[in-house]
Amino acid sequence: MKEEREMAKVKITQIKSKNGASKRQIANLQSLGIHRMHQTVEVELTPVSKGMLEKVLHLVKVEEI
């Protein structure tokens, strides 16, 4: 049986506008669940979400939970 591991969760808030961002960065924001300014979402920190966060770090604020 596989053991379930507790993934770290982070709170992500968009603090800068996506105007002027590349299509890839906008797609990453949408994949993370962020659709508007000052919207906050909680995401499990997997390698996939970590990679998406690295691409949009200049647009968001990240807090550990």
PDB file of N, CA and C in Angstrom:
ATOM      1  N   MET A   1       0.825  -1.197   0.000  1.00  0.00           N
ATOM      2  CA  MET A   1       0.000   0.000   0.000  1.00  0.00           C
ATOM      3  C   MET A   1       0.864   1.253   0.000  1.00  0.00           C
ATOM      4  N   LYS A   2       0.378   2.239  -0.681  1.00  0.00           N
ATOM      5  CA  LYS A   2       1.095   3.506  -0.696  1.00  0.00           C
ATOM      6  C   LYS A   2       0.692   4.342   0.521  1.00  0.00           C
ATOM      7  N   GLU A   3       1.655   5.001   1.068  1.00  0.00           N
ATOM      8  CA  GLU A   3       1.366   5.909   2.172  1.00  0.00           C
ATOM      9  C   GLU A   3       1.025   7.270   1.593  1.00  0.00           C
ATOM     10  N   GLU A   4       0.016   7.890   2.171  1.00  0.00           N
ATOM     11  CA  GLU A   4      -0.318   9.239   1.719  1.00  0.00           C
ATOM     12  C   GLU A   4       0.581  10.221   2.444  1.00  0.00           C
ATOM     13  N   ARG A   5       1.232  11.045   1.671  1.00  0.00           N
ATOM     14  CA  ARG A   5       2.123  12.045   2.253  1.00  0.00           C
ATOM     15  C   ARG A   5       1.389  13.366   2.329  1.00  0.00           C
ATOM     16  N   GLU A   6       1.654  14.083   3.379  1.00  0.00           N
ATOM     17  CA  GLU A   6       1.069  15.412   3.524  1.00  0.00           C
ATOM     18  C   GLU A   6       1.846  16.379   2.646  1.00  0.00           C
ATOM     19  N   MET A   7       1.182  16.931   1.659  1.00  0.00           N
ATOM     20  CA  MET A   7       1.816  17.922   0.799  1.00  0.00           C
ATOM     21  C   MET A   7       1.699  19.275   1.483  1.00  0.00           C
ATOM     22  N   ALA A   8       2.725  20.076   1.357  1.00  0.00           N
ATOM     23  CA  ALA A   8       2.677  21.426   1.905  1.00  0.00           C
ATOM     24  C   ALA A   8       1.670  22.231   1.096  1.00  0.00           C
ATOM     25  N   LYS A   9       0.966  23.113   1.773  1.00  0.00           N
ATOM     26  CA  LYS A   9       0.021  23.985   1.082  1.00  0.00           C
ATOM     27  C   LYS A   9       0.549  25.408   1.137  1.00  0.00           C
ATOM     28  N   VAL A  10       0.262  26.149   0.085  1.00  0.00           N
ATOM     29  CA  VAL A  10       0.638  27.559   0.037  1.00  0.00           C
ATOM     30  C   VAL A  10      -0.586  28.378  -0.348  1.00  0.00           C
ATOM     31  N   LYS A  11      -0.586  29.613   0.117  1.00  0.00           N
ATOM     32  CA  LYS A  11      -1.628  30.559  -0.234  1.00  0.00           C
ATOM     33  C   LYS A  11      -1.040  31.519  -1.252  1.00  0.00           C
ATOM     34  N   ILE A  12      -1.695  31.627  -2.409  1.00  0.00           N
ATOM     35  CA  ILE A  12      -1.194  32.457  -3.506  1.00  0.00           C
ATOM     36  C   ILE A  12      -2.175  33.588  -3.749  1.00  0.00           C
ATOM     37  N   THR A  13      -1.661  34.821  -3.788  1.00  0.00           N
ATOM     38  CA  THR A  13      -2.487  35.995  -4.044  1.00  0.00           C
ATOM     39  C   THR A  13      -1.884  36.765  -5.203  1.00  0.00           C
ATOM     40  N   GLN A  14      -2.704  37.107  -6.196  1.00  0.00           N
ATOM     41  CA  GLN A  14      -2.212  37.908  -7.323  1.00  0.00           C
ATOM     42  C   GLN A  14      -2.125  39.358  -6.873  1.00  0.00           C
ATOM     43  N   ILE A  15      -0.934  39.962  -6.984  1.00  0.00           N
ATOM     44  CA  ILE A  15      -0.747  41.333  -6.532  1.00  0.00           C
ATOM     45  C   ILE A  15      -0.424  42.293  -7.667  1.00  0.00           C
ATOM     46  N   LYS A  16      -0.058  41.749  -8.839  1.00  0.00           N
ATOM     47  CA  LYS A  16       0.215  42.601  -9.997  1.00  0.00           C
ATOM     48  C   LYS A  16      -0.653  42.158 -11.157  1.00  0.00           C
ATOM     49  N   SER A  17      -0.962  43.104 -12.026  1.00  0.00           N
ATOM     50  CA  SER A  17      -1.831  42.835 -13.161  1.00  0.00           C
ATOM     51  C   SER A  17      -1.175  41.896 -14.153  1.00  0.00           C
ATOM     52  N   LYS A  18      -2.011  41.101 -14.810  1.00  0.00           N
ATOM     53  CA  LYS A  18      -1.489  40.207 -15.846  1.00  0.00           C
ATOM     54  C   LYS A  18      -1.428  40.897 -17.202  1.00  0.00           C
ATOM     55  N   ASN A  19      -1.811  42.177 -17.282  1.00  0.00           N
ATOM     56  CA  ASN A  19      -1.654  42.935 -18.528  1.00  0.00           C
ATOM     57  C   ASN A  19      -0.167  43.019 -18.850  1.00  0.00           C
ATOM     58  N   GLY A  20       0.192  42.662 -20.043  1.00  0.00           N
ATOM     59  CA  GLY A  20       1.596  42.691 -20.446  1.00  0.00           C
ATOM     60  C   GLY A  20       2.312  41.384 -20.194  1.00  0.00           C
ATOM     61  N   ALA A  21       1.652  40.453 -19.507  1.00  0.00           N
ATOM     62  CA  ALA A  21       2.263  39.150 -19.272  1.00  0.00           C
ATOM     63  C   ALA A  21       2.117  38.302 -20.528  1.00  0.00           C
ATOM     64  N   SER A  22       2.993  37.322 -20.672  1.00  0.00           N
ATOM     65  CA  SER A  22       2.912  36.451 -21.846  1.00  0.00           C
ATOM     66  C   SER A  22       1.709  35.514 -21.716  1.00  0.00           C
ATOM     67  N   LYS A  23       1.326  34.915 -22.834  1.00  0.00           N
ATOM     68  CA  LYS A  23       0.203  33.970 -22.834  1.00  0.00           C
ATOM     69  C   LYS A  23       0.483  32.804 -21.897  1.00  0.00           C
ATOM     70  N   ARG A  24       1.739  32.386 -21.856  1.00  0.00           N
ATOM     71  CA  ARG A  24       2.129  31.277 -20.994  1.00  0.00           C
ATOM     72  C   ARG A  24       1.942  31.626 -19.515  1.00  0.00           C
ATOM     73  N   GLN A  25       2.306  32.854 -19.138  1.00  0.00           N
ATOM     74  CA  GLN A  25       2.147  33.276 -17.750  1.00  0.00           C
ATOM     75  C   GLN A  25       0.670  33.383 -17.380  1.00  0.00           C
ATOM     76  N   ILE A  26      -0.149  33.897 -18.285  1.00  0.00           N
ATOM     77  CA  ILE A  26      -1.585  34.000 -18.035  1.00  0.00           C
ATOM     78  C   ILE A  26      -2.189  32.608 -17.885  1.00  0.00           C
ATOM     79  N   ALA A  27      -1.749  31.672 -18.726  1.00  0.00           N
ATOM     80  CA  ALA A  27      -2.234  30.291 -18.636  1.00  0.00           C
ATOM     81  C   ALA A  27      -1.833  29.656 -17.302  1.00  0.00           C
ATOM     82  N   ASN A  28      -0.631  29.963 -16.821  1.00  0.00           N
ATOM     83  CA  ASN A  28      -0.192  29.434 -15.531  1.00  0.00           C
ATOM     84  C   ASN A  28      -1.045  29.984 -14.396  1.00  0.00           C
ATOM     85  N   LEU A  29      -1.375  31.270 -14.442  1.00  0.00           N
ATOM     86  CA  LEU A  29      -2.247  31.851 -13.416  1.00  0.00           C
ATOM     87  C   LEU A  29      -3.605  31.153 -13.420  1.00  0.00           C
ATOM     88  N   GLN A  30      -4.168  30.944 -14.597  1.00  0.00           N
ATOM     89  CA  GLN A  30      -5.471  30.288 -14.682  1.00  0.00           C
ATOM     90  C   GLN A  30      -5.394  28.843 -14.188  1.00  0.00           C
ATOM     91  N   SER A  31      -4.317  28.157 -14.486  1.00  0.00           N
ATOM     92  CA  SER A  31      -4.153  26.776 -14.028  1.00  0.00           C
ATOM     93  C   SER A  31      -4.031  26.699 -12.511  1.00  0.00           C
ATOM     94  N   LEU A  32      -3.471  27.735 -11.925  1.00  0.00           N
ATOM     95  CA  LEU A  32      -3.370  27.787 -10.466  1.00  0.00           C
ATOM     96  C   LEU A  32      -4.697  28.183  -9.820  1.00  0.00           C
ATOM     97  N   GLY A  33      -5.658  28.621 -10.636  1.00  0.00           N
ATOM     98  CA  GLY A  33      -6.978  28.973 -10.109  1.00  0.00           C
ATOM     99  C   GLY A  33      -7.166  30.450  -9.855  1.00  0.00           C
ATOM    100  N   ILE A  34      -6.255  31.278 -10.357  1.00  0.00           N
ATOM    101  CA  ILE A  34      -6.332  32.724 -10.142  1.00  0.00           C
ATOM    102  C   ILE A  34      -6.907  33.376 -11.390  1.00  0.00           C
ATOM    103  N   HIS A  35      -7.979  34.139 -11.211  1.00  0.00           N
ATOM    104  CA  HIS A  35      -8.647  34.764 -12.349  1.00  0.00           C
ATOM    105  C   HIS A  35      -8.726  36.287 -12.241  1.00  0.00           C
ATOM    106  N   ARG A  36      -8.553  36.837 -11.036  1.00  0.00           N
ATOM    107  CA  ARG A  36      -8.632  38.306 -10.873  1.00  0.00           C
ATOM    108  C   ARG A  36      -7.581  38.793  -9.879  1.00  0.00           C
ATOM    109  N   MET A  37      -7.387  40.092  -9.908  1.00  0.00           N
ATOM    110  CA  MET A  37      -6.456  40.735  -8.980  1.00  0.00           C
ATOM    111  C   MET A  37      -6.926  40.527  -7.538  1.00  0.00           C
ATOM    112  N   HIS A  38      -5.984  40.371  -6.638  1.00  0.00           N
ATOM    113  CA  HIS A  38      -6.209  40.229  -5.202  1.00  0.00           C
ATOM    114  C   HIS A  38      -7.021  38.995  -4.839  1.00  0.00           C
ATOM    115  N   GLN A  39      -7.158  38.065  -5.770  1.00  0.00           N
ATOM    116  CA  GLN A  39      -7.805  36.797  -5.480  1.00  0.00           C
ATOM    117  C   GLN A  39      -6.778  35.890  -4.811  1.00  0.00           C
ATOM    118  N   THR A  40      -7.213  35.163  -3.790  1.00  0.00           N
ATOM    119  CA  THR A  40      -6.329  34.262  -3.060  1.00  0.00           C
ATOM    120  C   THR A  40      -6.822  32.832  -3.209  1.00  0.00           C
ATOM    121  N   VAL A  41      -5.905  31.923  -3.482  1.00  0.00           N
ATOM    122  CA  VAL A  41      -6.230  30.498  -3.581  1.00  0.00           C
ATOM    123  C   VAL A  41      -5.218  29.701  -2.773  1.00  0.00           C
ATOM    124  N   GLU A  42      -5.649  28.530  -2.306  1.00  0.00           N
ATOM    125  CA  GLU A  42      -4.755  27.608  -1.616  1.00  0.00           C
ATOM    126  C   GLU A  42      -4.438  26.464  -2.568  1.00  0.00           C
ATOM    127  N   VAL A  43      -3.152  26.153  -2.700  1.00  0.00           N
ATOM    128  CA  VAL A  43      -2.705  25.129  -3.642  1.00  0.00           C
ATOM    129  C   VAL A  43      -1.733  24.201  -2.930  1.00  0.00           C
ATOM    130  N   GLU A  44      -1.848  22.893  -3.203  1.00  0.00           N
ATOM    131  CA  GLU A  44      -0.850  21.956  -2.691  1.00  0.00           C
ATOM    132  C   GLU A  44       0.441  22.148  -3.476  1.00  0.00           C
ATOM    133  N   LEU A  45       1.543  22.117  -2.784  1.00  0.00           N
ATOM    134  CA  LEU A  45       2.839  22.389  -3.403  1.00  0.00           C
ATOM    135  C   LEU A  45       3.420  21.107  -3.988  1.00  0.00           C
ATOM    136  N   THR A  46       3.047  20.809  -5.219  1.00  0.00           N
ATOM    137  CA  THR A  46       3.574  19.662  -5.948  1.00  0.00           C
ATOM    138  C   THR A  46       4.653  20.176  -6.891  1.00  0.00           C
ATOM    139  N   PRO A  47       5.447  19.289  -7.475  1.00  0.00           N
ATOM    140  CA  PRO A  47       6.450  19.763  -8.439  1.00  0.00           C
ATOM    141  C   PRO A  47       5.828  20.538  -9.607  1.00  0.00           C
ATOM    142  N   VAL A  48       4.621  20.149 -10.020  1.00  0.00           N
ATOM    143  CA  VAL A  48       3.955  20.830 -11.128  1.00  0.00           C
ATOM    144  C   VAL A  48       3.563  22.252 -10.724  1.00  0.00           C
ATOM    145  N   SER A  49       2.898  22.382  -9.564  1.00  0.00           N
ATOM    146  CA  SER A  49       2.469  23.715  -9.138  1.00  0.00           C
ATOM    147  C   SER A  49       3.670  24.589  -8.783  1.00  0.00           C
ATOM    148  N   LYS A  50       4.735  23.974  -8.301  1.00  0.00           N
ATOM    149  CA  LYS A  50       5.957  24.726  -7.986  1.00  0.00           C
ATOM    150  C   LYS A  50       6.545  25.347  -9.248  1.00  0.00           C
ATOM    151  N   GLY A  51       6.556  24.577 -10.342  1.00  0.00           N
ATOM    152  CA  GLY A  51       7.061  25.074 -11.613  1.00  0.00           C
ATOM    153  C   GLY A  51       6.217  26.214 -12.152  1.00  0.00           C
ATOM    154  N   MET A  52       4.880  26.088 -12.011  1.00  0.00           N
ATOM    155  CA  MET A  52       3.995  27.162 -12.471  1.00  0.00           C
ATOM    156  C   MET A  52       4.222  28.433 -11.655  1.00  0.00           C
ATOM    157  N   LEU A  53       4.426  28.260 -10.350  1.00  0.00           N
ATOM    158  CA  LEU A  53       4.670  29.413  -9.477  1.00  0.00           C
ATOM    159  C   LEU A  53       5.949  30.150  -9.849  1.00  0.00           C
ATOM    160  N   GLU A  54       6.992  29.398 -10.191  1.00  0.00           N
ATOM    161  CA  GLU A  54       8.262  30.030 -10.560  1.00  0.00           C
ATOM    162  C   GLU A  54       8.115  30.943 -11.764  1.00  0.00           C
ATOM    163  N   LYS A  55       7.204  30.601 -12.687  1.00  0.00           N
ATOM    164  CA  LYS A  55       7.011  31.396 -13.895  1.00  0.00           C
ATOM    165  C   LYS A  55       6.246  32.687 -13.640  1.00  0.00           C
ATOM    166  N   VAL A  56       5.490  32.758 -12.529  1.00  0.00           N
ATOM    167  CA  VAL A  56       4.661  33.949 -12.273  1.00  0.00           C
ATOM    168  C   VAL A  56       4.960  34.582 -10.915  1.00  0.00           C
ATOM    169  N   LEU A  57       6.132  34.300 -10.351  1.00  0.00           N
ATOM    170  CA  LEU A  57       6.470  34.833  -9.030  1.00  0.00           C
ATOM    171  C   LEU A  57       6.422  36.360  -8.968  1.00  0.00           C
ATOM    172  N   HIS A  58       6.700  37.025 -10.089  1.00  0.00           N
ATOM    173  CA  HIS A  58       6.699  38.481 -10.101  1.00  0.00           C
ATOM    174  C   HIS A  58       5.284  39.056 -10.086  1.00  0.00           C
ATOM    175  N   LEU A  59       4.268  38.205 -10.266  1.00  0.00           N
ATOM    176  CA  LEU A  59       2.874  38.664 -10.289  1.00  0.00           C
ATOM    177  C   LEU A  59       2.107  38.292  -9.019  1.00  0.00           C
ATOM    178  N   VAL A  60       2.663  37.406  -8.208  1.00  0.00           N
ATOM    179  CA  VAL A  60       1.920  36.868  -7.060  1.00  0.00           C
ATOM    180  C   VAL A  60       2.709  37.004  -5.762  1.00  0.00           C
ATOM    181  N   LYS A  61       1.968  36.848  -4.653  1.00  0.00           N
ATOM    182  CA  LYS A  61       2.569  36.773  -3.327  1.00  0.00           C
ATOM    183  C   LYS A  61       2.277  35.370  -2.812  1.00  0.00           C
ATOM    184  N   VAL A  62       3.286  34.679  -2.295  1.00  0.00           N
ATOM    185  CA  VAL A  62       3.145  33.301  -1.838  1.00  0.00           C
ATOM    186  C   VAL A  62       3.399  33.246  -0.345  1.00  0.00           C
ATOM    187  N   GLU A  63       2.458  32.595   0.383  1.00  0.00           N
ATOM    188  CA  GLU A  63       2.605  32.412   1.830  1.00  0.00           C
ATOM    189  C   GLU A  63       2.428  30.944   2.160  1.00  0.00           C
ATOM    190  N   GLU A  64       3.281  30.417   3.038  1.00  0.00           N
ATOM    191  CA  GLU A  64       3.114  29.027   3.478  1.00  0.00           C
ATOM    192  C   GLU A  64       2.000  28.965   4.512  1.00  0.00           C
ATOM    193  N   ILE A  65       1.291  27.846   4.486  1.00  0.00           N
ATOM    194  CA  ILE A  65       0.198  27.656   5.466  1.00  0.00           C
ATOM    195  C   ILE A  65       0.657  26.656   6.505  1.00  0.00           C
TER     196      ILE A  65
END
